[in-house]
Amino acid sequence: MKNFVRITTLGLLVGLTAGCMTDRPARTGTSYSCSAGTELRVDYLANGALVRINGARGIPFKQTPSNSGAVYENGAMRLARSGNTVTWNTSQRSAPETCRVVNTIN
């Protein structure tokens, strides 16, 4: 009986924890190829985006106010989306890259 209670409790905790992870995308996103060779994978979230640069670990970006399109920022990095294209820039780059969609996973 103790094992049943432990297993039931563990199952309940796992279920509750999974419900809290709504901002973590699973197999969704858009891949972009940029003009200077950067490859981006972007998972758009409710109030931000998770951006993977050249296959590296995802970096969270917050959506910021914009007059046109959507803008996502994380410190010195900026992603601006308008339709199917994005503009990618970092403080280390003098000119932004224009990126086009190469794959969308739903």
C-alpha atoms as a PDB file:
ATOM      1  CA  MET A   1       0.000   0.000   0.000  1.00  0.00           C
ATOM      2  CA  LYS A   2       2.902   2.400   0.761  1.00  0.00           C
ATOM      3  CA  ASN A   3       4.303   1.894  -2.753  1.00  0.00           C
ATOM      4  CA  PHE A   4       0.896   2.664  -4.276  1.00  0.00           C
ATOM      5  CA  VAL A   5       0.681   5.931  -2.306  1.00  0.00           C
ATOM      6  CA  ARG A   6       4.243   6.892  -3.317  1.00  0.00           C
ATOM      7  CA  ILE A   7       3.618   6.157  -6.985  1.00  0.00           C
ATOM      8  CA  THR A   8       0.295   8.020  -6.948  1.00  0.00           C
ATOM      9  CA  THR A   9       1.871  11.022  -5.220  1.00  0.00           C
ATOM     10  CA  LEU A  10       4.796  11.059  -7.657  1.00  0.00           C
ATOM     11  CA  GLY A  11       2.416  10.886 -10.620  1.00  0.00           C
ATOM     12  CA  LEU A  12       0.390  13.783  -9.252  1.00  0.00           C
ATOM     13  CA  LEU A  13       3.510  15.920  -8.739  1.00  0.00           C
ATOM     14  CA  VAL A  14       4.772  15.194 -12.257  1.00  0.00           C
ATOM     15  CA  GLY A  15       1.370  16.113 -13.697  1.00  0.00           C
ATOM     16  CA  LEU A  16       1.219  19.378 -11.779  1.00  0.00           C
ATOM     17  CA  THR A  17       4.771  20.314 -12.730  1.00  0.00           C
ATOM     18  CA  ALA A  18       4.138  19.631 -16.406  1.00  0.00           C
ATOM     19  CA  GLY A  19       1.173  22.010 -16.309  1.00  0.00           C
ATOM     20  CA  CYS A  20       3.492  24.819 -15.180  1.00  0.00           C
ATOM     21  CA  MET A  21       5.761  24.456 -18.191  1.00  0.00           C
ATOM     22  CA  THR A  22       3.507  26.166 -20.729  1.00  0.00           C
ATOM     23  CA  ASP A  23       6.281  28.505 -21.972  1.00  0.00           C
ATOM     24  CA  ARG A  24       8.510  25.622 -23.107  1.00  0.00           C
ATOM     25  CA  PRO A  25       7.790  24.709 -26.703  1.00  0.00           C
ATOM     26  CA  ALA A  26       7.975  21.151 -27.956  1.00  0.00           C
ATOM     27  CA  ARG A  27       8.880  20.580 -31.609  1.00  0.00           C
ATOM     28  CA  THR A  28       7.579  23.906 -32.793  1.00  0.00           C
ATOM     29  CA  GLY A  29       9.434  26.788 -34.281  1.00  0.00           C
ATOM     30  CA  THR A  30      10.807  28.507 -37.316  1.00  0.00           C
ATOM     31  CA  SER A  31      14.299  28.180 -38.767  1.00  0.00           C
ATOM     32  CA  TYR A  32      15.944  31.112 -40.513  1.00  0.00           C
ATOM     33  CA  SER A  33      19.013  31.484 -42.712  1.00  0.00           C
ATOM     34  CA  CYS A  34      20.601  34.926 -42.424  1.00  0.00           C
ATOM     35  CA  SER A  35      22.555  37.006 -44.944  1.00  0.00           C
ATOM     36  CA  ALA A  36      25.887  36.784 -43.049  1.00  0.00           C
ATOM     37  CA  GLY A  37      25.605  33.034 -42.498  1.00  0.00           C
ATOM     38  CA  THR A  38      23.931  32.914 -39.087  1.00  0.00           C
ATOM     39  CA  GLU A  39      21.351  30.146 -38.630  1.00  0.00           C
ATOM     40  CA  LEU A  40      18.501  30.844 -36.201  1.00  0.00           C
ATOM     41  CA  ARG A  41      15.825  28.580 -34.751  1.00  0.00           C
ATOM     42  CA  VAL A  42      13.072  30.592 -33.072  1.00  0.00           C
ATOM     43  CA  ASP A  43      10.255  29.283 -30.893  1.00  0.00           C
ATOM     44  CA  TYR A  44       7.736  32.100 -30.487  1.00  0.00           C
ATOM     45  CA  LEU A  45       6.080  32.195 -27.043  1.00  0.00           C
ATOM     46  CA  ALA A  46       3.255  34.238 -25.531  1.00  0.00           C
ATOM     47  CA  ASN A  47       5.428  37.200 -24.458  1.00  0.00           C
ATOM     48  CA  GLY A  48       8.775  36.362 -25.976  1.00  0.00           C
ATOM     49  CA  ALA A  49      10.839  33.904 -27.942  1.00  0.00           C
ATOM     50  CA  LEU A  50      13.420  31.190 -27.390  1.00  0.00           C
ATOM     51  CA  VAL A  51      16.246  31.738 -29.887  1.00  0.00           C
ATOM     52  CA  ARG A  52      18.912  29.177 -30.808  1.00  0.00           C
ATOM     53  CA  ILE A  53      21.891  30.690 -32.622  1.00  0.00           C
ATOM     54  CA  ASN A  54      23.824  28.322 -34.912  1.00  0.00           C
ATOM     55  CA  GLY A  55      22.466  25.282 -33.075  1.00  0.00           C
ATOM     56  CA  ALA A  56      23.500  26.447 -29.596  1.00  0.00           C
ATOM     57  CA  ARG A  57      21.313  26.246 -26.505  1.00  0.00           C
ATOM     58  CA  GLY A  58      18.175  28.389 -26.596  1.00  0.00           C
ATOM     59  CA  ILE A  59      18.323  31.922 -25.205  1.00  0.00           C
ATOM     60  CA  PRO A  60      15.123  33.532 -23.893  1.00  0.00           C
ATOM     61  CA  PHE A  61      14.140  36.865 -25.441  1.00  0.00           C
ATOM     62  CA  LYS A  62      11.405  39.217 -24.206  1.00  0.00           C
ATOM     63  CA  GLN A  63       8.993  40.868 -26.595  1.00  0.00           C
ATOM     64  CA  THR A  64       9.289  44.650 -26.521  1.00  0.00           C
ATOM     65  CA  PRO A  65       6.879  47.324 -27.775  1.00  0.00           C
ATOM     66  CA  SER A  66       7.099  48.067 -31.486  1.00  0.00           C
ATOM     67  CA  ASN A  67       5.199  50.226 -33.985  1.00  0.00           C
ATOM     68  CA  SER A  68       5.402  47.565 -36.698  1.00  0.00           C
ATOM     69  CA  GLY A  69       5.996  43.831 -36.468  1.00  0.00           C
ATOM     70  CA  ALA A  70       7.289  42.068 -33.371  1.00  0.00           C
ATOM     71  CA  VAL A  71      10.582  42.865 -31.649  1.00  0.00           C
ATOM     72  CA  TYR A  72      12.363  40.520 -29.247  1.00  0.00           C
ATOM     73  CA  GLU A  73      15.391  41.537 -27.184  1.00  0.00           C
ATOM     74  CA  ASN A  74      17.893  40.019 -24.799  1.00  0.00           C
ATOM     75  CA  GLY A  75      20.521  42.478 -23.661  1.00  0.00           C
ATOM     76  CA  ALA A  76      22.677  43.240 -26.691  1.00  0.00           C
ATOM     77  CA  MET A  77      20.776  40.945 -29.090  1.00  0.00           C
ATOM     78  CA  ARG A  78      17.694  41.919 -31.090  1.00  0.00           C
ATOM     79  CA  LEU A  79      15.330  40.023 -33.381  1.00  0.00           C
ATOM     80  CA  ALA A  80      12.715  41.998 -35.334  1.00  0.00           C
ATOM     81  CA  ARG A  81      10.022  40.027 -37.181  1.00  0.00           C
ATOM     82  CA  SER A  82       7.863  41.343 -39.986  1.00  0.00           C
ATOM     83  CA  GLY A  83       5.897  38.735 -41.899  1.00  0.00           C
ATOM     84  CA  ASN A  84       8.136  35.851 -42.977  1.00  0.00           C
ATOM     85  CA  THR A  85      11.420  37.705 -42.569  1.00  0.00           C
ATOM     86  CA  VAL A  86      13.406  38.738 -39.532  1.00  0.00           C
ATOM     87  CA  THR A  87      16.246  41.136 -38.909  1.00  0.00           C
ATOM     88  CA  TRP A  88      18.913  39.848 -36.537  1.00  0.00           C
ATOM     89  CA  ASN A  89      21.482  42.047 -34.805  1.00  0.00           C
ATOM     90  CA  THR A  90      23.914  42.009 -31.906  1.00  0.00           C
ATOM     91  CA  SER A  91      26.015  44.778 -30.399  1.00  0.00           C
ATOM     92  CA  GLN A  92      29.100  43.046 -31.874  1.00  0.00           C
ATOM     93  CA  ARG A  93      27.838  43.501 -35.447  1.00  0.00           C
ATOM     94  CA  SER A  94      27.903  46.837 -37.261  1.00  0.00           C
ATOM     95  CA  ALA A  95      25.027  45.965 -39.608  1.00  0.00           C
ATOM     96  CA  PRO A  96      21.975  43.763 -39.011  1.00  0.00           C
ATOM     97  CA  GLU A  97      21.441  40.541 -40.957  1.00  0.00           C
ATOM     98  CA  THR A  98      18.311  39.907 -42.991  1.00  0.00           C
ATOM     99  CA  CYS A  99      17.011  36.377 -42.440  1.00  0.00           C
ATOM    100  CA  ARG A 100      14.564  34.285 -44.449  1.00  0.00           C
ATOM    101  CA  VAL A 101      12.480  31.299 -43.396  1.00  0.00           C
ATOM    102  CA  VAL A 102      13.996  27.956 -44.334  1.00  0.00           C
ATOM    103  CA  ASN A 103      11.791  25.635 -42.304  1.00  0.00           C
ATOM    104  CA  THR A 104       8.735  25.828 -40.087  1.00  0.00           C
ATOM    105  CA  ILE A 105       7.858  22.959 -37.743  1.00  0.00           C
ATOM    106  CA  ASN A 106       4.311  22.638 -36.423  1.00  0.00           C
END
